[in-house]
Amino acid sequence: MSSNNIPPSFVECPYEILINILKRVDSKDIIALGLTCRRLNRIANDSYLWHMLCCCRYDDYVMKKNPKLKDHNSEIDWKKMYFELGTLIKYAAPTARIIWLDDPDEYGVRPPPSHQYWSVFPDPRSHIKSVIALDHVWWLDVKVTFDSVPYGTYDIIWRIIAGRGSNLDRACFETKVVDPSDDDMEEMVVEPIVEFWPTKEDIQPIIDKKDWTEYRVPKPIVVSDAHDSPSKIRGSSYTYRTVHAKLYSHDSTMHSGLHIDYVRLEPHKEDKQ
């Protein structure tokens, strides 16, 4: 090949080649490159690039859960969708699996004590303006699931309001790291299950506070990088796991006066750059 046919710089490579290069680059670096010149800025904001990133990074498991992502639809903001898929925060009201959640068709969306067990009700202090609130249960079981969690060490943080009747010293904060599966019964646990049973001294600082508190579970979790995992994305250096965060008590203790806004994963401070 003649040297005259070699582009003088990376920026001047054909558009399609740049797209195929950038789909393998970390999203933060793509945004940084977009600040260097007009051409890279146009590519860094190209909907097609972010559509390819969604397909490449998250692959079949996540795509099955989001059927609208299978085809390139111009009405979808693919850049926004990419970051939504990778979010490490789950709001309880729309996403949590809750045992004894009241039927909203029967009770409506109303603040306690108008409901019977768990209920969804408005709260302007929540980013999504709604939370879950507990009147009382003898079987406490709340679980949220994070799909596509990259490898690393994470702290588990629950945003809650806990009254004295919440009896969190009789409950367990459990975290489980698994390979993703469409069937919960077929999930493979890939790390030791992390359980934390707080004492009264552990939870005393957050009891009876009038405002929301972020409770950081003292035991971090490890999401390993297993290249032979079923969650390994073809042709990619990224490996993802599924993480289940659960709060439960199955010993017939009565729990009441508990509100949950969200659960989030935060990189453990030793992993922060």
C-alpha atoms as a PDB file:
ATOM      1  CA  MET A   1       0.000   0.000   0.000  1.00  0.00           C
ATOM      2  CA  SER A   2       1.313   3.395  -0.893  1.00  0.00           C
ATOM      3  CA  SER A   3       2.032   5.736   1.971  1.00  0.00           C
ATOM      4  CA  ASN A   4      -0.210   8.228   0.191  1.00  0.00           C
ATOM      5  CA  ASN A   5      -3.182   5.991   1.000  1.00  0.00           C
ATOM      6  CA  ILE A   6      -2.516   5.983   4.729  1.00  0.00           C
ATOM      7  CA  PRO A   7      -4.607   8.538   6.614  1.00  0.00           C
ATOM      8  CA  PRO A   8      -2.332  11.142   8.229  1.00  0.00           C
ATOM      9  CA  SER A   9      -4.110  10.815  11.580  1.00  0.00           C
ATOM     10  CA  PHE A  10      -6.609   8.730  13.535  1.00  0.00           C
ATOM     11  CA  VAL A  11      -9.225  11.455  13.172  1.00  0.00           C
ATOM     12  CA  GLU A  12      -9.188  11.175   9.380  1.00  0.00           C
ATOM     13  CA  CYS A  13      -9.869   7.438   9.275  1.00  0.00           C
ATOM     14  CA  PRO A  14     -13.063   6.493   7.408  1.00  0.00           C
ATOM     15  CA  TYR A  15     -16.200   7.022   9.469  1.00  0.00           C
ATOM     16  CA  GLU A  16     -17.124   3.318   9.532  1.00  0.00           C
ATOM     17  CA  ILE A  17     -13.661   2.343  10.800  1.00  0.00           C
ATOM     18  CA  LEU A  18     -13.829   4.915  13.579  1.00  0.00           C
ATOM     19  CA  ILE A  19     -17.235   3.578  14.623  1.00  0.00           C
ATOM     20  CA  ASN A  20     -15.870   0.024  14.785  1.00  0.00           C
ATOM     21  CA  ILE A  21     -12.887   1.186  16.828  1.00  0.00           C
ATOM     22  CA  LEU A  22     -14.903   3.269  19.263  1.00  0.00           C
ATOM     23  CA  LYS A  23     -17.420   0.510  19.979  1.00  0.00           C
ATOM     24  CA  ARG A  24     -14.552  -1.256  21.774  1.00  0.00           C
ATOM     25  CA  VAL A  25     -13.555   1.823  23.796  1.00  0.00           C
ATOM     26  CA  ASP A  26     -14.764   2.677  27.295  1.00  0.00           C
ATOM     27  CA  SER A  27     -17.725   5.059  27.243  1.00  0.00           C
ATOM     28  CA  LYS A  28     -15.886   7.675  29.338  1.00  0.00           C
ATOM     29  CA  ASP A  29     -13.056   7.717  26.791  1.00  0.00           C
ATOM     30  CA  ILE A  30     -15.555   8.092  23.942  1.00  0.00           C
ATOM     31  CA  ILE A  31     -17.015  11.172  25.601  1.00  0.00           C
ATOM     32  CA  ALA A  32     -13.505  12.554  26.214  1.00  0.00           C
ATOM     33  CA  LEU A  33     -12.548  11.994  22.564  1.00  0.00           C
ATOM     34  CA  GLY A  34     -15.688  13.841  21.536  1.00  0.00           C
ATOM     35  CA  LEU A  35     -14.293  16.971  23.153  1.00  0.00           C
ATOM     36  CA  THR A  36     -11.145  17.028  21.020  1.00  0.00           C
ATOM     37  CA  CYS A  37     -12.526  18.010  17.610  1.00  0.00           C
ATOM     38  CA  ARG A  38     -15.755  18.470  15.683  1.00  0.00           C
ATOM     39  CA  ARG A  39     -15.492  15.219  13.725  1.00  0.00           C
ATOM     40  CA  LEU A  40     -14.962  13.056  16.795  1.00  0.00           C
ATOM     41  CA  ASN A  41     -17.695  14.977  18.598  1.00  0.00           C
ATOM     42  CA  ARG A  42     -20.121  14.088  15.806  1.00  0.00           C
ATOM     43  CA  ILE A  43     -19.106  10.425  15.973  1.00  0.00           C
ATOM     44  CA  ALA A  44     -19.196  10.351  19.788  1.00  0.00           C
ATOM     45  CA  ASN A  45     -22.831  11.465  19.658  1.00  0.00           C
ATOM     46  CA  ASP A  46     -23.851   9.253  16.755  1.00  0.00           C
ATOM     47  CA  SER A  47     -26.954   7.228  17.649  1.00  0.00           C
ATOM     48  CA  TYR A  48     -25.647   4.311  15.569  1.00  0.00           C
ATOM     49  CA  LEU A  49     -22.453   4.128  17.662  1.00  0.00           C
ATOM     50  CA  TRP A  50     -24.415   3.957  20.928  1.00  0.00           C
ATOM     51  CA  HIS A  51     -26.775   1.395  19.418  1.00  0.00           C
ATOM     52  CA  MET A  52     -23.752  -0.761  18.574  1.00  0.00           C
ATOM     53  CA  LEU A  53     -22.387  -0.249  22.088  1.00  0.00           C
ATOM     54  CA  CYS A  54     -25.671  -1.470  23.573  1.00  0.00           C
ATOM     55  CA  CYS A  55     -25.586  -4.573  21.372  1.00  0.00           C
ATOM     56  CA  CYS A  56     -21.877  -5.236  21.865  1.00  0.00           C
ATOM     57  CA  ARG A  57     -21.604  -4.619  25.594  1.00  0.00           C
ATOM     58  CA  TYR A  58     -24.859  -6.110  26.844  1.00  0.00           C
ATOM     59  CA  ASP A  59     -25.518  -8.853  24.302  1.00  0.00           C
ATOM     60  CA  ASP A  60     -28.346 -11.417  24.342  1.00  0.00           C
ATOM     61  CA  TYR A  61     -29.291 -11.597  28.031  1.00  0.00           C
ATOM     62  CA  VAL A  62     -30.024  -7.897  28.439  1.00  0.00           C
ATOM     63  CA  MET A  63     -31.468  -7.589  24.933  1.00  0.00           C
ATOM     64  CA  LYS A  64     -34.015 -10.295  25.732  1.00  0.00           C
ATOM     65  CA  LYS A  65     -35.168  -8.236  28.686  1.00  0.00           C
ATOM     66  CA  ASN A  66     -35.452  -5.157  26.464  1.00  0.00           C
ATOM     67  CA  PRO A  67     -37.137  -6.264  23.216  1.00  0.00           C
ATOM     68  CA  LYS A  68     -37.254  -2.709  21.880  1.00  0.00           C
ATOM     69  CA  LEU A  69     -33.443  -2.762  21.695  1.00  0.00           C
ATOM     70  CA  LYS A  70     -33.303  -5.548  19.119  1.00  0.00           C
ATOM     71  CA  ASP A  71     -33.826  -3.202  16.186  1.00  0.00           C
ATOM     72  CA  HIS A  72     -32.394   0.219  15.545  1.00  0.00           C
ATOM     73  CA  ASN A  73     -35.353   2.489  16.222  1.00  0.00           C
ATOM     74  CA  SER A  74     -34.708   6.181  15.606  1.00  0.00           C
ATOM     75  CA  GLU A  75     -37.118   7.092  18.406  1.00  0.00           C
ATOM     76  CA  ILE A  76     -34.792   5.570  21.017  1.00  0.00           C
ATOM     77  CA  ASP A  77     -32.097   7.752  22.555  1.00  0.00           C
ATOM     78  CA  TRP A  78     -29.376   5.100  22.371  1.00  0.00           C
ATOM     79  CA  LYS A  79     -26.813   7.088  24.317  1.00  0.00           C
ATOM     80  CA  LYS A  80     -29.263   7.535  27.185  1.00  0.00           C
ATOM     81  CA  MET A  81     -30.305   3.882  26.891  1.00  0.00           C
ATOM     82  CA  TYR A  82     -26.679   2.731  27.122  1.00  0.00           C
ATOM     83  CA  PHE A  83     -26.153   4.458  30.446  1.00  0.00           C
ATOM     84  CA  GLU A  84     -29.543   3.317  31.746  1.00  0.00           C
ATOM     85  CA  LEU A  85     -28.593  -0.296  31.021  1.00  0.00           C
ATOM     86  CA  GLY A  86     -25.407   0.106  33.014  1.00  0.00           C
ATOM     87  CA  THR A  87     -26.866   1.972  35.972  1.00  0.00           C
ATOM     88  CA  LEU A  88     -25.946   0.658  39.397  1.00  0.00           C
ATOM     89  CA  ILE A  89     -28.998   2.042  41.191  1.00  0.00           C
ATOM     90  CA  LYS A  90     -32.384   0.337  41.441  1.00  0.00           C
ATOM     91  CA  TYR A  91     -35.463   2.136  42.715  1.00  0.00           C
ATOM     92  CA  ALA A  92     -37.600  -0.158  44.829  1.00  0.00           C
ATOM     93  CA  ALA A  93     -41.043   1.012  43.730  1.00  0.00           C
ATOM     94  CA  PRO A  94     -40.800  -0.085  40.081  1.00  0.00           C
ATOM     95  CA  THR A  95     -38.153  -2.827  40.261  1.00  0.00           C
ATOM     96  CA  ALA A  96     -38.107  -4.636  43.624  1.00  0.00           C
ATOM     97  CA  ARG A  97     -39.577  -8.087  44.076  1.00  0.00           C
ATOM     98  CA  ILE A  98     -41.578  -7.752  47.294  1.00  0.00           C
ATOM     99  CA  ILE A  99     -43.385 -10.491  49.179  1.00  0.00           C
ATOM    100  CA  TRP A 100     -46.752  -9.249  50.513  1.00  0.00           C
ATOM    101  CA  LEU A 101     -46.942  -6.189  48.279  1.00  0.00           C
ATOM    102  CA  ASP A 102     -50.519  -4.892  48.336  1.00  0.00           C
ATOM    103  CA  ASP A 103     -52.466  -4.942  45.093  1.00  0.00           C
ATOM    104  CA  PRO A 104     -52.592  -1.290  43.902  1.00  0.00           C
ATOM    105  CA  ASP A 105     -55.878  -2.032  42.122  1.00  0.00           C
ATOM    106  CA  GLU A 106     -57.402  -2.770  45.526  1.00  0.00           C
ATOM    107  CA  TYR A 107     -55.700  -0.202  47.738  1.00  0.00           C
ATOM    108  CA  GLY A 108     -54.527   2.422  45.243  1.00  0.00           C
ATOM    109  CA  VAL A 109     -51.356   4.474  45.623  1.00  0.00           C
ATOM    110  CA  ARG A 110     -51.796   5.955  49.090  1.00  0.00           C
ATOM    111  CA  PRO A 111     -49.583   6.638  52.093  1.00  0.00           C
ATOM    112  CA  PRO A 112     -49.742   4.324  55.126  1.00  0.00           C
ATOM    113  CA  PRO A 113     -51.649   3.296  57.178  1.00  0.00           C
ATOM    114  CA  SER A 114     -54.247   2.998  54.403  1.00  0.00           C
ATOM    115  CA  HIS A 115     -52.534  -0.122  53.079  1.00  0.00           C
ATOM    116  CA  GLN A 116     -52.227  -3.543  54.676  1.00  0.00           C
ATOM    117  CA  TYR A 117     -48.663  -4.827  54.196  1.00  0.00           C
ATOM    118  CA  TRP A 118     -46.270  -3.244  51.680  1.00  0.00           C
ATOM    119  CA  SER A 119     -47.475  -0.445  49.433  1.00  0.00           C
ATOM    120  CA  VAL A 120     -46.178   1.994  46.826  1.00  0.00           C
ATOM    121  CA  PHE A 121     -46.896   5.629  47.609  1.00  0.00           C
ATOM    122  CA  PRO A 122     -45.697   9.080  46.483  1.00  0.00           C
ATOM    123  CA  ASP A 123     -42.721  10.760  48.135  1.00  0.00           C
ATOM    124  CA  PRO A 124     -41.348  14.003  46.617  1.00  0.00           C
ATOM    125  CA  ARG A 125     -37.950  13.358  48.241  1.00  0.00           C
ATOM    126  CA  SER A 126     -37.392  10.372  45.949  1.00  0.00           C
ATOM    127  CA  HIS A 127     -35.887  10.970  42.523  1.00  0.00           C
ATOM    128  CA  ILE A 128     -38.751   8.990  40.958  1.00  0.00           C
ATOM    129  CA  LYS A 129     -41.299  10.469  43.408  1.00  0.00           C
ATOM    130  CA  SER A 130     -42.480   7.099  44.736  1.00  0.00           C
ATOM    131  CA  VAL A 131     -41.176   4.609  47.298  1.00  0.00           C
ATOM    132  CA  ILE A 132     -42.312   1.432  49.044  1.00  0.00           C
ATOM    133  CA  ALA A 133     -43.608   1.575  52.619  1.00  0.00           C
ATOM    134  CA  LEU A 134     -44.277  -1.184  55.104  1.00  0.00           C
ATOM    135  CA  ASP A 135     -47.245  -1.251  57.462  1.00  0.00           C
ATOM    136  CA  HIS A 136     -46.449  -4.652  58.943  1.00  0.00           C
ATOM    137  CA  VAL A 137     -45.396  -8.167  57.915  1.00  0.00           C
ATOM    138  CA  TRP A 138     -44.203 -11.305  59.684  1.00  0.00           C
ATOM    139  CA  TRP A 139     -42.375 -12.485  56.563  1.00  0.00           C
ATOM    140  CA  LEU A 140     -39.962  -9.799  55.361  1.00  0.00           C
ATOM    141  CA  ASP A 141     -38.580 -10.360  51.861  1.00  0.00           C
ATOM    142  CA  VAL A 142     -37.459  -7.596  49.474  1.00  0.00           C
ATOM    143  CA  LYS A 143     -35.087  -8.233  46.567  1.00  0.00           C
ATOM    144  CA  VAL A 144     -33.644  -6.055  43.807  1.00  0.00           C
ATOM    145  CA  THR A 145     -31.617  -7.315  40.861  1.00  0.00           C
ATOM    146  CA  PHE A 146     -28.756  -5.608  39.029  1.00  0.00           C
ATOM    147  CA  ASP A 147     -28.066  -6.910  35.528  1.00  0.00           C
ATOM    148  CA  SER A 148     -24.752  -6.452  33.711  1.00  0.00           C
ATOM    149  CA  VAL A 149     -22.527  -5.555  36.671  1.00  0.00           C
ATOM    150  CA  PRO A 150     -18.845  -5.231  35.620  1.00  0.00           C
ATOM    151  CA  TYR A 151     -16.178  -6.949  37.676  1.00  0.00           C
ATOM    152  CA  GLY A 152     -14.929  -5.156  40.776  1.00  0.00           C
ATOM    153  CA  THR A 153     -15.591  -4.769  44.495  1.00  0.00           C
ATOM    154  CA  TYR A 154     -18.771  -2.968  45.538  1.00  0.00           C
ATOM    155  CA  ASP A 155     -20.471  -1.607  48.631  1.00  0.00           C
ATOM    156  CA  ILE A 156     -24.231  -2.216  48.934  1.00  0.00           C
ATOM    157  CA  ILE A 157     -26.197   0.872  49.971  1.00  0.00           C
ATOM    158  CA  TRP A 158     -29.880   0.894  50.934  1.00  0.00           C
ATOM    159  CA  ARG A 159     -31.710   4.240  51.125  1.00  0.00           C
ATOM    160  CA  ILE A 160     -34.249   3.711  53.874  1.00  0.00           C
ATOM    161  CA  ILE A 161     -36.286   5.197  56.690  1.00  0.00           C
ATOM    162  CA  ALA A 162     -36.425   2.746  59.596  1.00  0.00           C
ATOM    163  CA  GLY A 163     -38.734   3.117  62.590  1.00  0.00           C
ATOM    164  CA  ARG A 164     -38.282   1.270  65.868  1.00  0.00           C
ATOM    165  CA  GLY A 165     -40.732  -1.367  64.728  1.00  0.00           C
ATOM    166  CA  SER A 166     -38.619  -2.191  61.673  1.00  0.00           C
ATOM    167  CA  ASN A 167     -36.594  -4.650  63.808  1.00  0.00           C
ATOM    168  CA  LEU A 168     -33.701  -4.654  61.363  1.00  0.00           C
ATOM    169  CA  ASP A 169     -31.569  -6.337  64.026  1.00  0.00           C
ATOM    170  CA  ARG A 170     -33.696  -9.423  63.309  1.00  0.00           C
ATOM    171  CA  ALA A 171     -33.209  -9.218  59.520  1.00  0.00           C
ATOM    172  CA  CYS A 172     -30.450 -10.102  57.072  1.00  0.00           C
ATOM    173  CA  PHE A 173     -28.893  -8.049  54.283  1.00  0.00           C
ATOM    174  CA  GLU A 174     -27.928 -10.667  51.695  1.00  0.00           C
ATOM    175  CA  THR A 175     -26.053 -10.225  48.426  1.00  0.00           C
ATOM    176  CA  LYS A 176     -25.628 -12.921  45.805  1.00  0.00           C
ATOM    177  CA  VAL A 177     -23.473 -12.790  42.643  1.00  0.00           C
ATOM    178  CA  VAL A 178     -24.602 -15.126  39.858  1.00  0.00           C
ATOM    179  CA  ASP A 179     -24.154 -15.784  36.179  1.00  0.00           C
ATOM    180  CA  PRO A 180     -27.211 -14.405  34.385  1.00  0.00           C
ATOM    181  CA  SER A 181     -30.036 -16.712  33.422  1.00  0.00           C
ATOM    182  CA  ASP A 182     -33.619 -16.277  32.280  1.00  0.00           C
ATOM    183  CA  ASP A 183     -34.637 -18.809  34.944  1.00  0.00           C
ATOM    184  CA  ASP A 184     -33.866 -17.989  38.602  1.00  0.00           C
ATOM    185  CA  MET A 185     -33.752 -21.713  39.359  1.00  0.00           C
ATOM    186  CA  GLU A 186     -30.912 -22.194  36.865  1.00  0.00           C
ATOM    187  CA  GLU A 187     -28.699 -19.349  38.068  1.00  0.00           C
ATOM    188  CA  MET A 188     -25.182 -20.351  39.059  1.00  0.00           C
ATOM    189  CA  VAL A 189     -23.814 -18.665  42.191  1.00  0.00           C
ATOM    190  CA  VAL A 190     -20.238 -17.653  41.343  1.00  0.00           C
ATOM    191  CA  GLU A 191     -19.124 -15.997  44.599  1.00  0.00           C
ATOM    192  CA  PRO A 192     -19.731 -16.844  48.265  1.00  0.00           C
ATOM    193  CA  ILE A 193     -23.096 -15.438  49.342  1.00  0.00           C
ATOM    194  CA  VAL A 194     -22.538 -12.378  51.539  1.00  0.00           C
ATOM    195  CA  GLU A 195     -24.841 -12.163  54.569  1.00  0.00           C
ATOM    196  CA  PHE A 196     -24.896  -9.434  57.197  1.00  0.00           C
ATOM    197  CA  TRP A 197     -27.105  -9.703  60.283  1.00  0.00           C
ATOM    198  CA  PRO A 198     -26.924  -6.285  61.977  1.00  0.00           C
ATOM    199  CA  THR A 199     -27.005  -5.953  65.751  1.00  0.00           C
ATOM    200  CA  LYS A 200     -29.017  -3.301  67.575  1.00  0.00           C
ATOM    201  CA  GLU A 201     -25.794  -1.300  67.881  1.00  0.00           C
ATOM    202  CA  ASP A 202     -25.235  -1.518  64.114  1.00  0.00           C
ATOM    203  CA  ILE A 203     -28.610  -0.078  63.182  1.00  0.00           C
ATOM    204  CA  GLN A 204     -29.134   2.302  66.125  1.00  0.00           C
ATOM    205  CA  PRO A 205     -27.722   5.348  64.216  1.00  0.00           C
ATOM    206  CA  ILE A 206     -30.422   5.064  61.534  1.00  0.00           C
ATOM    207  CA  ILE A 207     -33.445   4.210  63.700  1.00  0.00           C
ATOM    208  CA  ASP A 208     -36.235   6.786  64.017  1.00  0.00           C
ATOM    209  CA  LYS A 209     -34.603   9.361  61.766  1.00  0.00           C
ATOM    210  CA  LYS A 210     -37.201  11.546  60.111  1.00  0.00           C
ATOM    211  CA  ASP A 211     -35.398  11.775  56.786  1.00  0.00           C
ATOM    212  CA  TRP A 212     -33.908   9.279  54.370  1.00  0.00           C
ATOM    213  CA  THR A 213     -30.640   7.603  55.310  1.00  0.00           C
ATOM    214  CA  GLU A 214     -28.185   5.710  53.127  1.00  0.00           C
ATOM    215  CA  TYR A 215     -27.286   2.556  55.031  1.00  0.00           C
ATOM    216  CA  ARG A 216     -24.021   1.068  53.799  1.00  0.00           C
ATOM    217  CA  VAL A 217     -23.854  -2.676  54.431  1.00  0.00           C
ATOM    218  CA  PRO A 218     -20.474  -3.230  56.167  1.00  0.00           C
ATOM    219  CA  LYS A 219     -19.587  -6.251  54.032  1.00  0.00           C
ATOM    220  CA  PRO A 220     -18.610  -5.421  50.413  1.00  0.00           C
ATOM    221  CA  ILE A 221     -19.121  -7.880  47.575  1.00  0.00           C
ATOM    222  CA  VAL A 222     -16.700  -9.080  44.917  1.00  0.00           C
ATOM    223  CA  VAL A 223     -17.804  -9.468  41.302  1.00  0.00           C
ATOM    224  CA  SER A 224     -15.107 -11.562  39.672  1.00  0.00           C
ATOM    225  CA  ASP A 225     -13.792 -11.328  36.129  1.00  0.00           C
ATOM    226  CA  ALA A 226     -14.350 -14.823  34.692  1.00  0.00           C
ATOM    227  CA  HIS A 227     -13.528 -14.934  30.995  1.00  0.00           C
ATOM    228  CA  ASP A 228     -15.028 -18.395  30.558  1.00  0.00           C
ATOM    229  CA  SER A 229     -18.314 -17.293  32.121  1.00  0.00           C
ATOM    230  CA  PRO A 230     -21.608 -17.647  30.187  1.00  0.00           C
ATOM    231  CA  SER A 231     -21.959 -13.896  30.709  1.00  0.00           C
ATOM    232  CA  LYS A 232     -18.749 -13.237  28.762  1.00  0.00           C
ATOM    233  CA  ILE A 233     -19.586 -11.112  25.773  1.00  0.00           C
ATOM    234  CA  ARG A 234     -18.370 -12.465  22.474  1.00  0.00           C
ATOM    235  CA  GLY A 235     -15.350 -10.628  21.109  1.00  0.00           C
ATOM    236  CA  SER A 236     -15.234  -8.225  24.054  1.00  0.00           C
ATOM    237  CA  SER A 237     -12.971  -7.637  27.037  1.00  0.00           C
ATOM    238  CA  TYR A 238     -16.021  -7.023  29.255  1.00  0.00           C
ATOM    239  CA  THR A 239     -17.470  -9.589  31.627  1.00  0.00           C
ATOM    240  CA  TYR A 240     -20.746  -9.024  33.439  1.00  0.00           C
ATOM    241  CA  ARG A 241     -22.559 -10.677  36.312  1.00  0.00           C
ATOM    242  CA  THR A 242     -25.999 -10.434  37.855  1.00  0.00           C
ATOM    243  CA  VAL A 243     -26.210  -9.233  41.472  1.00  0.00           C
ATOM    244  CA  HIS A 244     -29.183  -9.848  43.783  1.00  0.00           C
ATOM    245  CA  ALA A 245     -29.458  -7.632  46.875  1.00  0.00           C
ATOM    246  CA  LYS A 246     -31.987  -8.854  49.405  1.00  0.00           C
ATOM    247  CA  LEU A 247     -33.372  -7.854  52.806  1.00  0.00           C
ATOM    248  CA  TYR A 248     -35.203 -10.664  54.549  1.00  0.00           C
ATOM    249  CA  SER A 249     -36.419 -12.148  57.816  1.00  0.00           C
ATOM    250  CA  HIS A 250     -38.302 -15.446  57.840  1.00  0.00           C
ATOM    251  CA  ASP A 251     -38.493 -16.145  61.590  1.00  0.00           C
ATOM    252  CA  SER A 252     -42.002 -14.707  62.166  1.00  0.00           C
ATOM    253  CA  THR A 253     -40.703 -11.475  63.706  1.00  0.00           C
ATOM    254  CA  MET A 254     -43.095  -8.605  63.043  1.00  0.00           C
ATOM    255  CA  HIS A 255     -41.579  -5.754  61.026  1.00  0.00           C
ATOM    256  CA  SER A 256     -43.240  -2.368  60.545  1.00  0.00           C
ATOM    257  CA  GLY A 257     -42.459   1.261  59.789  1.00  0.00           C
ATOM    258  CA  LEU A 258     -39.865   0.624  57.071  1.00  0.00           C
ATOM    259  CA  HIS A 259     -39.590   2.704  53.890  1.00  0.00           C
ATOM    260  CA  ILE A 260     -37.259   1.867  50.983  1.00  0.00           C
ATOM    261  CA  ASP A 261     -36.368   4.261  48.168  1.00  0.00           C
ATOM    262  CA  TYR A 262     -33.524   2.495  46.357  1.00  0.00           C
ATOM    263  CA  VAL A 263     -30.584   0.132  46.527  1.00  0.00           C
ATOM    264  CA  ARG A 264     -27.342   1.015  44.808  1.00  0.00           C
ATOM    265  CA  LEU A 265     -23.920  -0.464  44.191  1.00  0.00           C
ATOM    266  CA  GLU A 266     -20.934   1.796  44.720  1.00  0.00           C
ATOM    267  CA  PRO A 267     -17.343   0.842  43.841  1.00  0.00           C
ATOM    268  CA  HIS A 268     -15.524   0.048  47.063  1.00  0.00           C
ATOM    269  CA  LYS A 269     -13.192   2.895  48.015  1.00  0.00           C
ATOM    270  CA  GLU A 270     -10.109   0.760  47.373  1.00  0.00           C
ATOM    271  CA  ASP A 271     -11.386   0.237  43.798  1.00  0.00           C
ATOM    272  CA  LYS A 272     -12.097   3.914  43.124  1.00  0.00           C
ATOM    273  CA  GLN A 273      -9.639   5.544  40.823  1.00  0.00           C
END
